[in-house]
Amino acid sequence: MSNHDDPHDHGTMPMADASVRRASVSDTPAIGIVQAEVFTRAYAGRLPSEVIAAFEPVAFTRAWRDGLSNPPAGAHALFVALAGPQVVGFVAVGPSQDPDAPSDQAEVTVIGVHPSGRRQGHGSRLLNASADHLRSLGAGSMSAWVLVDDEETRAFLRAAGLEPDGAHRDRVVSPDGSTLREVRLSCLLGP
């Protein structure tokens, strides 16, 4: 039998060009670049220019490297979305910090896909990987906070099954005490 007849020979089959995996320390520079771009665009016009100026890849890289080198206890995880070998998105999840959350509720603490990688399924793959990870650790529900006027992210999360649950908060976002209103969306994870 030739290699072309072997159903287990994947050498001639096309390789996936999009995937999600757990992040490693070596991914942190790429995550920093993606986060800086995503945050700069998301908060432009909403935050003072000196706060926006702090959204730079090196600072984000350092924070992610520290977090992966000394991970917190619990269900915390960081995943990256790949287009071929290139990191184009990331998501961090962990136990919910909300005082009204049930003990088995987890939270998407941050999610972002580089603008050039959007509408290609990377965000959905990141959320699915997060839900699978959290479900495997016994989480019964998942939540995410989104700016009240960020219709694009809210629509994305709602399409993924997260719905507004009535909670809101005002997050301090600058040294002068300015706040932005966020709403919480959540969903059950189920078996």
C-alpha atoms as a PDB file:
ATOM      1  CA  MET A   1       0.000   0.000   0.000  1.00  0.00           C
ATOM      2  CA  SER A   2       1.363   3.452  -0.871  1.00  0.00           C
ATOM      3  CA  ASN A   3       1.266   6.348   1.546  1.00  0.00           C
ATOM      4  CA  HIS A   4      -1.598   7.844  -0.459  1.00  0.00           C
ATOM      5  CA  ASP A   5      -3.729   4.781   0.309  1.00  0.00           C
ATOM      6  CA  ASP A   6      -3.037   4.811   4.046  1.00  0.00           C
ATOM      7  CA  PRO A   7      -5.999   6.457   5.817  1.00  0.00           C
ATOM      8  CA  HIS A   8      -3.713   7.304   8.755  1.00  0.00           C
ATOM      9  CA  ASP A   9      -1.196   9.204   6.615  1.00  0.00           C
ATOM     10  CA  HIS A  10      -1.963  12.880   7.130  1.00  0.00           C
ATOM     11  CA  GLY A  11       1.139  14.156   5.356  1.00  0.00           C
ATOM     12  CA  THR A  12      -0.730  15.009   2.166  1.00  0.00           C
ATOM     13  CA  MET A  13      -3.842  16.404   3.831  1.00  0.00           C
ATOM     14  CA  PRO A  14      -4.237  20.161   4.287  1.00  0.00           C
ATOM     15  CA  MET A  15      -3.198  21.453   7.695  1.00  0.00           C
ATOM     16  CA  ALA A  16      -5.553  23.522   9.815  1.00  0.00           C
ATOM     17  CA  ASP A  17      -4.782  27.206   9.437  1.00  0.00           C
ATOM     18  CA  ALA A  18      -6.679  28.263  12.562  1.00  0.00           C
ATOM     19  CA  SER A  19      -6.456  26.773  16.028  1.00  0.00           C
ATOM     20  CA  VAL A  20      -6.533  27.507  19.759  1.00  0.00           C
ATOM     21  CA  ARG A  21      -4.156  26.232  22.410  1.00  0.00           C
ATOM     22  CA  ARG A  22      -2.976  27.014  25.931  1.00  0.00           C
ATOM     23  CA  ALA A  23      -0.592  29.960  25.927  1.00  0.00           C
ATOM     24  CA  SER A  24       3.062  29.584  26.828  1.00  0.00           C
ATOM     25  CA  VAL A  25       5.557  32.151  28.046  1.00  0.00           C
ATOM     26  CA  SER A  26       6.981  32.350  24.512  1.00  0.00           C
ATOM     27  CA  ASP A  27       3.577  33.630  23.302  1.00  0.00           C
ATOM     28  CA  THR A  28       3.588  36.654  25.596  1.00  0.00           C
ATOM     29  CA  PRO A  29       5.212  39.149  23.179  1.00  0.00           C
ATOM     30  CA  ALA A  30       2.561  38.374  20.546  1.00  0.00           C
ATOM     31  CA  ILE A  31      -0.220  38.546  23.167  1.00  0.00           C
ATOM     32  CA  GLY A  32       1.146  41.934  24.261  1.00  0.00           C
ATOM     33  CA  ILE A  33       0.990  43.240  20.692  1.00  0.00           C
ATOM     34  CA  VAL A  34      -2.579  41.993  20.198  1.00  0.00           C
ATOM     35  CA  GLN A  35      -3.759  43.375  23.544  1.00  0.00           C
ATOM     36  CA  ALA A  36      -2.190  46.780  22.936  1.00  0.00           C
ATOM     37  CA  GLU A  37      -3.932  47.059  19.556  1.00  0.00           C
ATOM     38  CA  VAL A  38      -7.285  45.793  20.853  1.00  0.00           C
ATOM     39  CA  PHE A  39      -7.285  48.015  23.957  1.00  0.00           C
ATOM     40  CA  THR A  40      -6.127  51.109  22.079  1.00  0.00           C
ATOM     41  CA  ARG A  41      -8.986  50.752  19.603  1.00  0.00           C
ATOM     42  CA  ALA A  42     -11.583  49.748  22.213  1.00  0.00           C
ATOM     43  CA  TYR A  43     -10.865  52.627  24.573  1.00  0.00           C
ATOM     44  CA  ALA A  44     -10.021  55.393  22.075  1.00  0.00           C
ATOM     45  CA  GLY A  45     -12.227  58.365  22.861  1.00  0.00           C
ATOM     46  CA  ARG A  46     -13.343  56.750  26.127  1.00  0.00           C
ATOM     47  CA  LEU A  47     -10.166  57.216  28.164  1.00  0.00           C
ATOM     48  CA  PRO A  48      -7.710  60.079  28.623  1.00  0.00           C
ATOM     49  CA  SER A  49      -4.782  60.061  26.170  1.00  0.00           C
ATOM     50  CA  GLU A  50      -2.253  59.379  28.952  1.00  0.00           C
ATOM     51  CA  VAL A  51      -4.098  56.161  29.836  1.00  0.00           C
ATOM     52  CA  ILE A  52      -4.246  55.100  26.165  1.00  0.00           C
ATOM     53  CA  ALA A  53      -0.501  55.805  25.868  1.00  0.00           C
ATOM     54  CA  ALA A  54       0.125  53.190  28.578  1.00  0.00           C
ATOM     55  CA  PHE A  55      -1.420  50.476  26.366  1.00  0.00           C
ATOM     56  CA  GLU A  56       1.875  49.351  24.958  1.00  0.00           C
ATOM     57  CA  PRO A  57       3.017  45.817  24.083  1.00  0.00           C
ATOM     58  CA  VAL A  58       6.014  45.638  26.444  1.00  0.00           C
ATOM     59  CA  ALA A  59       3.919  46.340  29.549  1.00  0.00           C
ATOM     60  CA  PHE A  60       1.268  43.777  28.567  1.00  0.00           C
ATOM     61  CA  THR A  61       3.988  41.243  27.674  1.00  0.00           C
ATOM     62  CA  ARG A  62       5.594  41.653  31.088  1.00  0.00           C
ATOM     63  CA  ALA A  63       2.270  41.173  32.894  1.00  0.00           C
ATOM     64  CA  TRP A  64       1.377  38.022  30.921  1.00  0.00           C
ATOM     65  CA  ARG A  65       4.887  36.599  31.359  1.00  0.00           C
ATOM     66  CA  ASP A  66       4.641  37.132  35.130  1.00  0.00           C
ATOM     67  CA  GLY A  67       1.171  35.557  35.213  1.00  0.00           C
ATOM     68  CA  LEU A  68       2.244  32.480  33.261  1.00  0.00           C
ATOM     69  CA  SER A  69       5.479  32.098  35.228  1.00  0.00           C
ATOM     70  CA  ASN A  70       3.640  32.299  38.588  1.00  0.00           C
ATOM     71  CA  PRO A  71       0.054  31.308  37.816  1.00  0.00           C
ATOM     72  CA  PRO A  72      -2.618  31.966  40.406  1.00  0.00           C
ATOM     73  CA  ALA A  73      -4.348  28.993  41.992  1.00  0.00           C
ATOM     74  CA  GLY A  74      -7.658  27.776  40.670  1.00  0.00           C
ATOM     75  CA  ALA A  75      -9.251  27.613  37.255  1.00  0.00           C
ATOM     76  CA  HIS A  76      -7.136  30.374  35.686  1.00  0.00           C
ATOM     77  CA  ALA A  77      -6.048  29.776  32.096  1.00  0.00           C
ATOM     78  CA  LEU A  78      -4.772  31.749  29.132  1.00  0.00           C
ATOM     79  CA  PHE A  79      -5.466  30.561  25.589  1.00  0.00           C
ATOM     80  CA  VAL A  80      -4.254  31.918  22.258  1.00  0.00           C
ATOM     81  CA  ALA A  81      -5.895  31.815  18.834  1.00  0.00           C
ATOM     82  CA  LEU A  82      -3.573  31.092  15.953  1.00  0.00           C
ATOM     83  CA  ALA A  83      -3.733  31.811  12.233  1.00  0.00           C
ATOM     84  CA  GLY A  84      -1.089  29.356  11.100  1.00  0.00           C
ATOM     85  CA  PRO A  85       1.774  29.990  13.542  1.00  0.00           C
ATOM     86  CA  GLN A  86       0.762  33.616  14.287  1.00  0.00           C
ATOM     87  CA  VAL A  87      -1.007  34.565  17.545  1.00  0.00           C
ATOM     88  CA  VAL A  88      -4.035  36.651  16.530  1.00  0.00           C
ATOM     89  CA  GLY A  89      -6.113  36.523  19.702  1.00  0.00           C
ATOM     90  CA  PHE A  90      -6.194  35.563  23.364  1.00  0.00           C
ATOM     91  CA  VAL A  91      -8.592  34.901  26.213  1.00  0.00           C
ATOM     92  CA  ALA A  92      -7.992  34.694  29.962  1.00  0.00           C
ATOM     93  CA  VAL A  93     -10.427  32.966  32.289  1.00  0.00           C
ATOM     94  CA  GLY A  94     -10.630  32.351  35.988  1.00  0.00           C
ATOM     95  CA  PRO A  95     -13.040  32.051  38.897  1.00  0.00           C
ATOM     96  CA  SER A  96     -15.596  34.855  39.060  1.00  0.00           C
ATOM     97  CA  GLN A  97     -14.672  37.667  41.427  1.00  0.00           C
ATOM     98  CA  ASP A  98     -18.234  38.975  41.642  1.00  0.00           C
ATOM     99  CA  PRO A  99     -19.677  38.934  45.168  1.00  0.00           C
ATOM    100  CA  ASP A 100     -23.071  37.762  43.886  1.00  0.00           C
ATOM    101  CA  ALA A 101     -21.646  34.899  41.800  1.00  0.00           C
ATOM    102  CA  PRO A 102     -22.343  31.289  42.689  1.00  0.00           C
ATOM    103  CA  SER A 103     -19.259  29.347  43.781  1.00  0.00           C
ATOM    104  CA  ASP A 104     -19.141  27.450  40.474  1.00  0.00           C
ATOM    105  CA  GLN A 105     -19.220  30.549  38.240  1.00  0.00           C
ATOM    106  CA  ALA A 106     -16.160  31.349  36.132  1.00  0.00           C
ATOM    107  CA  GLU A 107     -15.355  34.563  34.297  1.00  0.00           C
ATOM    108  CA  VAL A 108     -13.822  35.605  31.009  1.00  0.00           C
ATOM    109  CA  THR A 109     -11.480  38.252  32.395  1.00  0.00           C
ATOM    110  CA  VAL A 110     -10.284  39.476  28.994  1.00  0.00           C
ATOM    111  CA  ILE A 111     -10.714  38.457  25.371  1.00  0.00           C
ATOM    112  CA  GLY A 112      -9.312  40.084  22.277  1.00  0.00           C
ATOM    113  CA  VAL A 113      -8.714  39.348  18.615  1.00  0.00           C
ATOM    114  CA  HIS A 114      -6.469  41.561  16.511  1.00  0.00           C
ATOM    115  CA  PRO A 115      -8.598  43.672  14.127  1.00  0.00           C
ATOM    116  CA  SER A 116      -7.002  42.007  11.092  1.00  0.00           C
ATOM    117  CA  GLY A 117      -8.065  38.582  12.424  1.00  0.00           C
ATOM    118  CA  ARG A 118     -11.696  39.343  13.223  1.00  0.00           C
ATOM    119  CA  ARG A 119     -14.703  37.651  11.645  1.00  0.00           C
ATOM    120  CA  GLN A 120     -12.691  34.508  10.973  1.00  0.00           C
ATOM    121  CA  GLY A 121     -13.920  32.430  13.929  1.00  0.00           C
ATOM    122  CA  HIS A 122     -10.984  33.063  16.273  1.00  0.00           C
ATOM    123  CA  GLY A 123     -13.126  34.638  19.000  1.00  0.00           C
ATOM    124  CA  SER A 124     -15.617  31.784  18.893  1.00  0.00           C
ATOM    125  CA  ARG A 125     -12.824  29.204  19.091  1.00  0.00           C
ATOM    126  CA  LEU A 126     -11.356  31.059  22.079  1.00  0.00           C
ATOM    127  CA  LEU A 127     -14.708  31.103  23.898  1.00  0.00           C
ATOM    128  CA  ASN A 128     -15.312  27.421  23.125  1.00  0.00           C
ATOM    129  CA  ALA A 129     -11.870  26.441  24.442  1.00  0.00           C
ATOM    130  CA  SER A 130     -12.528  28.506  27.563  1.00  0.00           C
ATOM    131  CA  ALA A 131     -15.932  26.917  28.144  1.00  0.00           C
ATOM    132  CA  ASP A 132     -14.498  23.411  27.652  1.00  0.00           C
ATOM    133  CA  HIS A 133     -11.666  24.133  30.094  1.00  0.00           C
ATOM    134  CA  LEU A 134     -13.963  25.629  32.722  1.00  0.00           C
ATOM    135  CA  ARG A 135     -16.554  22.880  32.328  1.00  0.00           C
ATOM    136  CA  SER A 136     -13.829  20.234  32.833  1.00  0.00           C
ATOM    137  CA  LEU A 137     -12.982  21.912  36.149  1.00  0.00           C
ATOM    138  CA  GLY A 138     -16.600  21.855  37.332  1.00  0.00           C
ATOM    139  CA  ALA A 139     -17.731  25.376  36.467  1.00  0.00           C
ATOM    140  CA  GLY A 140     -21.483  25.568  35.998  1.00  0.00           C
ATOM    141  CA  SER A 141     -21.653  29.018  34.438  1.00  0.00           C
ATOM    142  CA  MET A 142     -19.488  31.634  32.781  1.00  0.00           C
ATOM    143  CA  SER A 143     -19.722  35.422  32.726  1.00  0.00           C
ATOM    144  CA  ALA A 144     -18.034  38.335  30.977  1.00  0.00           C
ATOM    145  CA  TRP A 145     -18.115  42.089  31.553  1.00  0.00           C
ATOM    146  CA  VAL A 146     -18.441  44.432  28.560  1.00  0.00           C
ATOM    147  CA  LEU A 147     -18.617  48.200  28.196  1.00  0.00           C
ATOM    148  CA  VAL A 148     -22.250  49.261  28.131  1.00  0.00           C
ATOM    149  CA  ASP A 149     -21.824  50.970  24.750  1.00  0.00           C
ATOM    150  CA  ASP A 150     -19.610  48.319  23.095  1.00  0.00           C
ATOM    151  CA  GLU A 151     -22.277  46.938  20.788  1.00  0.00           C
ATOM    152  CA  GLU A 152     -19.838  44.861  18.710  1.00  0.00           C
ATOM    153  CA  THR A 153     -18.488  42.861  21.672  1.00  0.00           C
ATOM    154  CA  ARG A 154     -21.935  42.531  23.220  1.00  0.00           C
ATOM    155  CA  ALA A 155     -23.340  41.179  19.920  1.00  0.00           C
ATOM    156  CA  PHE A 156     -20.447  38.713  19.674  1.00  0.00           C
ATOM    157  CA  LEU A 157     -20.984  37.448  23.225  1.00  0.00           C
ATOM    158  CA  ARG A 158     -24.757  37.207  22.759  1.00  0.00           C
ATOM    159  CA  ALA A 159     -24.273  35.200  19.557  1.00  0.00           C
ATOM    160  CA  ALA A 160     -22.094  32.848  21.634  1.00  0.00           C
ATOM    161  CA  GLY A 161     -24.942  32.341  24.122  1.00  0.00           C
ATOM    162  CA  LEU A 162     -24.116  34.837  26.872  1.00  0.00           C
ATOM    163  CA  GLU A 163     -27.036  37.059  27.854  1.00  0.00           C
ATOM    164  CA  PRO A 164     -27.256  40.196  30.009  1.00  0.00           C
ATOM    165  CA  ASP A 165     -28.102  39.134  33.561  1.00  0.00           C
ATOM    166  CA  GLY A 166     -29.007  42.570  34.948  1.00  0.00           C
ATOM    167  CA  ALA A 167     -25.706  43.280  36.722  1.00  0.00           C
ATOM    168  CA  HIS A 168     -23.675  46.400  36.023  1.00  0.00           C
ATOM    169  CA  ARG A 169     -20.655  48.137  37.536  1.00  0.00           C
ATOM    170  CA  ASP A 170     -18.718  51.349  37.174  1.00  0.00           C
ATOM    171  CA  ARG A 171     -15.044  50.547  36.701  1.00  0.00           C
ATOM    172  CA  VAL A 172     -12.408  53.141  37.592  1.00  0.00           C
ATOM    173  CA  VAL A 173     -10.324  53.547  34.444  1.00  0.00           C
ATOM    174  CA  SER A 174      -7.997  56.475  35.028  1.00  0.00           C
ATOM    175  CA  PRO A 175      -5.882  58.082  37.758  1.00  0.00           C
ATOM    176  CA  ASP A 176      -8.397  60.927  38.118  1.00  0.00           C
ATOM    177  CA  GLY A 177     -11.131  58.453  39.137  1.00  0.00           C
ATOM    178  CA  SER A 178     -13.080  58.486  35.852  1.00  0.00           C
ATOM    179  CA  THR A 179     -15.319  55.459  35.418  1.00  0.00           C
ATOM    180  CA  LEU A 180     -16.847  53.492  32.568  1.00  0.00           C
ATOM    181  CA  ARG A 181     -20.062  51.528  32.968  1.00  0.00           C
ATOM    182  CA  GLU A 182     -19.941  47.796  32.216  1.00  0.00           C
ATOM    183  CA  VAL A 183     -22.714  45.207  32.012  1.00  0.00           C
ATOM    184  CA  ARG A 184     -22.368  41.518  32.773  1.00  0.00           C
ATOM    185  CA  LEU A 185     -23.396  38.770  30.390  1.00  0.00           C
ATOM    186  CA  SER A 186     -23.526  35.143  31.484  1.00  0.00           C
ATOM    187  CA  CYS A 187     -24.505  31.652  30.439  1.00  0.00           C
ATOM    188  CA  LEU A 188     -24.813  28.173  31.863  1.00  0.00           C
ATOM    189  CA  LEU A 189     -22.077  25.792  30.752  1.00  0.00           C
ATOM    190  CA  GLY A 190     -24.004  22.555  31.107  1.00  0.00           C
ATOM    191  CA  PRO A 191     -22.558  19.083  30.584  1.00  0.00           C
END
